Amino acid sequence: MGLNKMEVVGDSKTVIKKCQSTDTDKSIIGAIIRDIQSQKDRFQKI
């Protein structure tokens, strides 16, 4: 897509912590967290 920055809108401290963590997440949003984690190296700022 040619994007180098991504912004996730929301104030959920849990989601932010899960995105920053290196542990495997098995919650309902685990797949989304894994997608964000796998893509974060492609961005300058998240």
PDB file of N, CA and C in Angstrom:
ATOM      1  N   MET A   1       0.809  -1.190   0.000  1.00  0.00           N
ATOM      2  CA  MET A   1       0.000   0.000   0.000  1.00  0.00           C
ATOM      3  C   MET A   1       0.856   1.259   0.000  1.00  0.00           C
ATOM      4  N   GLY A   2       2.125   1.141   0.285  1.00  0.00           N
ATOM      5  CA  GLY A   2       2.993   2.295   0.284  1.00  0.00           C
ATOM      6  C   GLY A   2       2.922   3.124   1.553  1.00  0.00           C
ATOM      7  N   LEU A   3       2.347   2.589   2.589  1.00  0.00           N
ATOM      8  CA  LEU A   3       2.230   3.329   3.845  1.00  0.00           C
ATOM      9  C   LEU A   3       3.446   3.061   4.719  1.00  0.00           C
ATOM     10  N   ASN A   4       3.887   4.088   5.464  1.00  0.00           N
ATOM     11  CA  ASN A   4       5.003   3.878   6.376  1.00  0.00           C
ATOM     12  C   ASN A   4       4.638   4.229   7.815  1.00  0.00           C
ATOM     13  N   LYS A   5       3.397   4.627   8.031  1.00  0.00           N
ATOM     14  CA  LYS A   5       2.923   4.917   9.383  1.00  0.00           C
ATOM     15  C   LYS A   5       1.543   4.305   9.557  1.00  0.00           C
ATOM     16  N   MET A   6       1.261   3.832  10.756  1.00  0.00           N
ATOM     17  CA  MET A   6      -0.036   3.244  11.040  1.00  0.00           C
ATOM     18  C   MET A   6      -0.500   3.767  12.383  1.00  0.00           C
ATOM     19  N   GLU A   7      -1.756   4.097  12.477  1.00  0.00           N
ATOM     20  CA  GLU A   7      -2.318   4.571  13.735  1.00  0.00           C
ATOM     21  C   GLU A   7      -3.508   3.695  14.096  1.00  0.00           C
ATOM     22  N   VAL A   8      -3.459   3.114  15.259  1.00  0.00           N
ATOM     23  CA  VAL A   8      -4.572   2.331  15.764  1.00  0.00           C
ATOM     24  C   VAL A   8      -5.305   3.230  16.744  1.00  0.00           C
ATOM     25  N   VAL A   9      -6.543   3.561  16.421  1.00  0.00           N
ATOM     26  CA  VAL A   9      -7.303   4.491  17.236  1.00  0.00           C
ATOM     27  C   VAL A   9      -8.008   3.721  18.345  1.00  0.00           C
ATOM     28  N   GLY A  10      -7.886   4.218  19.534  1.00  0.00           N
ATOM     29  CA  GLY A  10      -8.519   3.593  20.679  1.00  0.00           C
ATOM     30  C   GLY A  10      -7.696   3.847  21.913  1.00  0.00           C
ATOM     31  N   ASP A  11      -8.265   3.553  23.047  1.00  0.00           N
ATOM     32  CA  ASP A  11      -7.552   3.818  24.281  1.00  0.00           C
ATOM     33  C   ASP A  11      -7.454   2.568  25.147  1.00  0.00           C
ATOM     34  N   SER A  12      -7.549   1.444  24.551  1.00  0.00           N
ATOM     35  CA  SER A  12      -7.506   0.210  25.305  1.00  0.00           C
ATOM     36  C   SER A  12      -6.068  -0.122  25.684  1.00  0.00           C
ATOM     37  N   LYS A  13      -5.774   0.026  26.939  1.00  0.00           N
ATOM     38  CA  LYS A  13      -4.423  -0.251  27.439  1.00  0.00           C
ATOM     39  C   LYS A  13      -4.048  -1.718  27.220  1.00  0.00           C
ATOM     40  N   THR A  14      -5.013  -2.598  27.300  1.00  0.00           N
ATOM     41  CA  THR A  14      -4.763  -4.022  27.103  1.00  0.00           C
ATOM     42  C   THR A  14      -4.280  -4.303  25.685  1.00  0.00           C
ATOM     43  N   VAL A  15      -4.933  -3.715  24.697  1.00  0.00           N
ATOM     44  CA  VAL A  15      -4.548  -3.938  23.299  1.00  0.00           C
ATOM     45  C   VAL A  15      -3.158  -3.390  23.047  1.00  0.00           C
ATOM     46  N   ILE A  16      -2.867  -2.210  23.575  1.00  0.00           N
ATOM     47  CA  ILE A  16      -1.548  -1.608  23.393  1.00  0.00           C
ATOM     48  C   ILE A  16      -0.474  -2.490  24.015  1.00  0.00           C
ATOM     49  N   LYS A  17      -0.711  -2.988  25.214  1.00  0.00           N
ATOM     50  CA  LYS A  17       0.261  -3.858  25.875  1.00  0.00           C
ATOM     51  C   LYS A  17       0.462  -5.152  25.096  1.00  0.00           C
ATOM     52  N   LYS A  18      -0.620  -5.717  24.575  1.00  0.00           N
ATOM     53  CA  LYS A  18      -0.514  -6.961  23.810  1.00  0.00           C
ATOM     54  C   LYS A  18       0.263  -6.752  22.516  1.00  0.00           C
ATOM     55  N   CYS A  19       0.106  -5.591  21.886  1.00  0.00           N
ATOM     56  CA  CYS A  19       0.850  -5.303  20.657  1.00  0.00           C
ATOM     57  C   CYS A  19       2.339  -5.151  20.944  1.00  0.00           C
ATOM     58  N   GLN A  20       2.672  -4.619  22.103  1.00  0.00           N
ATOM     59  CA  GLN A  20       4.069  -4.405  22.460  1.00  0.00           C
ATOM     60  C   GLN A  20       4.724  -5.670  23.013  1.00  0.00           C
ATOM     61  N   SER A  21       3.943  -6.606  23.448  1.00  0.00           N
ATOM     62  CA  SER A  21       4.469  -7.820  24.062  1.00  0.00           C
ATOM     63  C   SER A  21       4.992  -8.793  23.002  1.00  0.00           C
ATOM     64  N   THR A  22       5.920  -9.629  23.399  1.00  0.00           N
ATOM     65  CA  THR A  22       6.426 -10.663  22.496  1.00  0.00           C
ATOM     66  C   THR A  22       5.800 -12.022  22.796  1.00  0.00           C
ATOM     67  N   ASP A  23       4.977 -12.079  23.839  1.00  0.00           N
ATOM     68  CA  ASP A  23       4.303 -13.328  24.197  1.00  0.00           C
ATOM     69  C   ASP A  23       3.191 -13.633  23.203  1.00  0.00           C
ATOM     70  N   THR A  24       2.888 -14.917  23.034  1.00  0.00           N
ATOM     71  CA  THR A  24       1.799 -15.338  22.161  1.00  0.00           C
ATOM     72  C   THR A  24       0.474 -15.027  22.838  1.00  0.00           C
ATOM     73  N   ASP A  25      -0.404 -14.368  22.108  1.00  0.00           N
ATOM     74  CA  ASP A  25      -1.702 -13.998  22.651  1.00  0.00           C
ATOM     75  C   ASP A  25      -2.753 -14.990  22.171  1.00  0.00           C
ATOM     76  N   LYS A  26      -3.517 -15.549  23.094  1.00  0.00           N
ATOM     77  CA  LYS A  26      -4.533 -16.540  22.747  1.00  0.00           C
ATOM     78  C   LYS A  26      -5.941 -16.014  22.984  1.00  0.00           C
ATOM     79  N   SER A  27      -6.093 -14.695  23.073  1.00  0.00           N
ATOM     80  CA  SER A  27      -7.412 -14.113  23.295  1.00  0.00           C
ATOM     81  C   SER A  27      -8.184 -14.045  21.983  1.00  0.00           C
ATOM     82  N   ILE A  28      -9.377 -13.521  22.058  1.00  0.00           N
ATOM     83  CA  ILE A  28     -10.239 -13.399  20.883  1.00  0.00           C
ATOM     84  C   ILE A  28      -9.597 -12.518  19.815  1.00  0.00           C
ATOM     85  N   ILE A  29      -8.896 -11.483  20.240  1.00  0.00           N
ATOM     86  CA  ILE A  29      -8.268 -10.577  19.272  1.00  0.00           C
ATOM     87  C   ILE A  29      -6.827 -10.982  18.970  1.00  0.00           C
ATOM     88  N   GLY A  30      -6.452 -12.171  19.364  1.00  0.00           N
ATOM     89  CA  GLY A  30      -5.084 -12.652  19.163  1.00  0.00           C
ATOM     90  C   GLY A  30      -4.624 -12.613  17.716  1.00  0.00           C
ATOM     91  N   ALA A  31      -5.511 -12.944  16.793  1.00  0.00           N
ATOM     92  CA  ALA A  31      -5.145 -12.938  15.372  1.00  0.00           C
ATOM     93  C   ALA A  31      -4.830 -11.526  14.897  1.00  0.00           C
ATOM     94  N   ILE A  32      -5.593 -10.569  15.369  1.00  0.00           N
ATOM     95  CA  ILE A  32      -5.350  -9.170  14.997  1.00  0.00           C
ATOM     96  C   ILE A  32      -4.020  -8.699  15.575  1.00  0.00           C
ATOM     97  N   ILE A  33      -3.765  -9.067  16.826  1.00  0.00           N
ATOM     98  CA  ILE A  33      -2.507  -8.698  17.485  1.00  0.00           C
ATOM     99  C   ILE A  33      -1.330  -9.291  16.715  1.00  0.00           C
ATOM    100  N   ARG A  34      -1.442 -10.553  16.302  1.00  0.00           N
ATOM    101  CA  ARG A  34      -0.365 -11.199  15.530  1.00  0.00           C
ATOM    102  C   ARG A  34      -0.150 -10.490  14.193  1.00  0.00           C
ATOM    103  N   ASP A  35      -1.229 -10.071  13.541  1.00  0.00           N
ATOM    104  CA  ASP A  35      -1.106  -9.334  12.273  1.00  0.00           C
ATOM    105  C   ASP A  35      -0.361  -8.019  12.483  1.00  0.00           C
ATOM    106  N   ILE A  36      -0.721  -7.298  13.536  1.00  0.00           N
ATOM    107  CA  ILE A  36      -0.047  -6.030  13.832  1.00  0.00           C
ATOM    108  C   ILE A  36       1.423  -6.276  14.122  1.00  0.00           C
ATOM    109  N   GLN A  37       1.714  -7.301  14.938  1.00  0.00           N
ATOM    110  CA  GLN A  37       3.101  -7.600  15.291  1.00  0.00           C
ATOM    111  C   GLN A  37       3.914  -8.019  14.072  1.00  0.00           C
ATOM    112  N   SER A  38       3.313  -8.762  13.166  1.00  0.00           N
ATOM    113  CA  SER A  38       4.055  -9.221  11.990  1.00  0.00           C
ATOM    114  C   SER A  38       4.325  -8.084  11.004  1.00  0.00           C
ATOM    115  N   GLN A  39       3.507  -7.060  11.012  1.00  0.00           N
ATOM    116  CA  GLN A  39       3.655  -5.947  10.085  1.00  0.00           C
ATOM    117  C   GLN A  39       4.445  -4.772  10.652  1.00  0.00           C
ATOM    118  N   LYS A  40       4.684  -4.740  11.957  1.00  0.00           N
ATOM    119  CA  LYS A  40       5.252  -3.538  12.577  1.00  0.00           C
ATOM    120  C   LYS A  40       6.666  -3.215  12.104  1.00  0.00           C
ATOM    121  N   ASP A  41       7.416  -4.163  11.616  1.00  0.00           N
ATOM    122  CA  ASP A  41       8.773  -3.879  11.112  1.00  0.00           C
ATOM    123  C   ASP A  41       8.752  -3.081   9.806  1.00  0.00           C
ATOM    124  N   ARG A  42       7.640  -3.076   9.120  1.00  0.00           N
ATOM    125  CA  ARG A  42       7.523  -2.360   7.850  1.00  0.00           C
ATOM    126  C   ARG A  42       7.216  -0.876   8.016  1.00  0.00           C
ATOM    127  N   PHE A  43       6.940  -0.468   9.242  1.00  0.00           N
ATOM    128  CA  PHE A  43       6.531   0.917   9.492  1.00  0.00           C
ATOM    129  C   PHE A  43       7.599   1.684  10.255  1.00  0.00           C
ATOM    130  N   GLN A  44       7.646   2.976  10.009  1.00  0.00           N
ATOM    131  CA  GLN A  44       8.552   3.850  10.757  1.00  0.00           C
ATOM    132  C   GLN A  44       7.969   4.167  12.123  1.00  0.00           C
ATOM    133  N   LYS A  45       6.655   4.279  12.174  1.00  0.00           N
ATOM    134  CA  LYS A  45       5.998   4.660  13.420  1.00  0.00           C
ATOM    135  C   LYS A  45       4.645   3.966  13.495  1.00  0.00           C
ATOM    136  N   ILE A  46       4.386   3.396  14.649  1.00  0.00           N
ATOM    137  CA  ILE A  46       3.076   2.789  14.892  1.00  0.00           C
ATOM    138  C   ILE A  46       2.509   3.425  16.131  1.00  0.00           C
TER     139      ILE A  46
END
